[in-house]
């Protein structure tokens, strides 16, 4: 799926709702917490910890990142390029 399609579908789902940066942080924190609980893997959570659940949460990070980038006035592709450049630099510094 192309980034433009992710953006289009997110806009269709959320319409004109735009979150503040603080609200975005809370949403990303919630998704990150879900991933942390998946990794912690307590017995009480075993029924919900499936590969599909983890894929859903990783997808939530992707969709939220695209949507939030645009809500803040940034081009998601520019954000991705900057992140990849940063990761490449960090990788070489190891």
Protein backbone atom coordinates (compact mmCIF):
# COMPACT_ATOMS: atom_id res chain seq x y z
CA UNK A 1 0.00 0.00 0.00
CA UNK A 2 1.33 3.42 -0.94
CA UNK A 3 1.67 6.21 1.61
CA UNK A 4 -0.84 8.30 -0.35
CA UNK A 5 -3.42 5.53 -0.03
CA UNK A 6 -2.80 5.22 3.71
CA UNK A 7 -3.29 8.97 4.01
CA UNK A 8 -6.48 8.90 1.96
CA UNK A 9 -8.02 6.07 3.98
CA UNK A 10 -7.05 7.68 7.30
CA UNK A 11 -8.72 10.94 6.20
CA UNK A 12 -11.85 9.01 5.21
CA UNK A 13 -11.95 7.33 8.64
CA UNK A 14 -11.14 10.35 10.80
CA UNK A 15 -12.50 13.04 8.45
CA UNK A 16 -11.65 16.50 9.83
CA UNK A 17 -10.55 15.35 13.28
CA UNK A 18 -7.05 16.62 13.98
CA UNK A 19 -5.28 15.99 17.25
CA UNK A 20 -2.89 18.31 19.03
CA UNK A 21 0.70 17.18 19.40
CA UNK A 22 -0.04 16.22 23.01
CA UNK A 23 -3.00 14.09 21.95
CA UNK A 24 -0.86 12.44 19.26
CA UNK A 25 1.73 11.54 21.90
CA UNK A 26 -0.97 9.91 24.03
CA UNK A 27 -2.24 7.85 21.08
CA UNK A 28 1.27 6.70 20.14
CA UNK A 29 1.94 5.92 23.81
CA UNK A 30 -1.19 3.78 23.97
CA UNK A 31 -0.18 1.80 20.88
CA UNK A 32 3.39 1.45 22.18
CA UNK A 33 2.00 0.22 25.50
CA UNK A 34 -0.04 -2.40 23.66
CA UNK A 35 3.13 -3.61 21.94
CA UNK A 36 4.96 -3.68 25.28
CA UNK A 37 2.16 -5.75 26.82
CA UNK A 38 2.40 -8.12 23.85
CA UNK A 39 6.12 -8.60 24.54
CA UNK A 40 5.59 -8.93 28.31
CA UNK A 41 3.21 -11.77 27.47
CA UNK A 42 1.45 -12.24 30.80
CA UNK A 43 -0.77 -15.31 30.98
CA UNK A 44 -3.88 -13.10 31.34
CA UNK A 45 -3.13 -11.57 27.94
CA UNK A 46 -2.36 -14.81 26.09
CA UNK A 47 -5.72 -14.98 24.30
CA UNK A 48 -5.24 -11.57 22.69
CA UNK A 49 -1.56 -11.91 21.85
CA UNK A 50 -1.68 -13.26 18.35
CA UNK A 51 0.45 -12.43 15.35
CA UNK A 52 -2.53 -10.55 13.91
CA UNK A 53 -2.75 -8.44 17.10
CA UNK A 54 0.92 -7.48 16.86
CA UNK A 55 0.59 -6.74 13.13
CA UNK A 56 -2.43 -4.55 13.91
CA UNK A 57 -0.47 -2.53 16.47
CA UNK A 58 2.50 -2.11 14.12
CA UNK A 59 0.01 -0.99 11.45
CA UNK A 60 -1.47 1.49 13.93
CA UNK A 61 2.00 3.03 14.35
CA UNK A 62 2.36 3.35 10.58
CA UNK A 63 -1.10 4.82 9.97
CA UNK A 64 -0.84 7.20 12.93
CA UNK A 65 2.61 8.35 11.82
CA UNK A 66 1.37 9.16 8.32
CA UNK A 67 -1.76 10.88 9.61
CA UNK A 68 0.00 12.83 12.36
CA UNK A 69 2.77 13.96 10.00
CA UNK A 70 0.18 15.48 7.70
CA UNK A 71 -1.80 16.99 10.59
CA UNK A 72 1.36 18.83 11.64
CA UNK A 73 1.87 20.08 8.09
CA UNK A 74 4.68 17.71 7.14
CA UNK A 75 4.98 15.47 4.10
CA UNK A 76 5.10 11.89 5.43
CA UNK A 77 7.56 10.92 2.70
CA UNK A 78 9.94 13.68 3.84
CA UNK A 79 9.64 12.39 7.41
CA UNK A 80 10.41 8.85 6.25
CA UNK A 81 13.43 9.99 4.23
CA UNK A 82 14.81 11.88 7.25
CA UNK A 83 14.23 8.86 9.50
CA UNK A 84 15.92 6.47 7.08
CA UNK A 85 18.89 8.82 6.79
CA UNK A 86 19.15 8.99 10.56
CA UNK A 87 18.93 5.22 10.93
CA UNK A 88 21.59 4.74 8.28
CA UNK A 89 23.90 7.15 10.13
CA UNK A 90 23.30 5.39 13.47
CA UNK A 91 23.90 2.01 11.85
CA UNK A 92 27.29 3.13 10.56
CA UNK A 93 28.28 4.57 13.93
CA UNK A 94 27.87 1.24 15.71
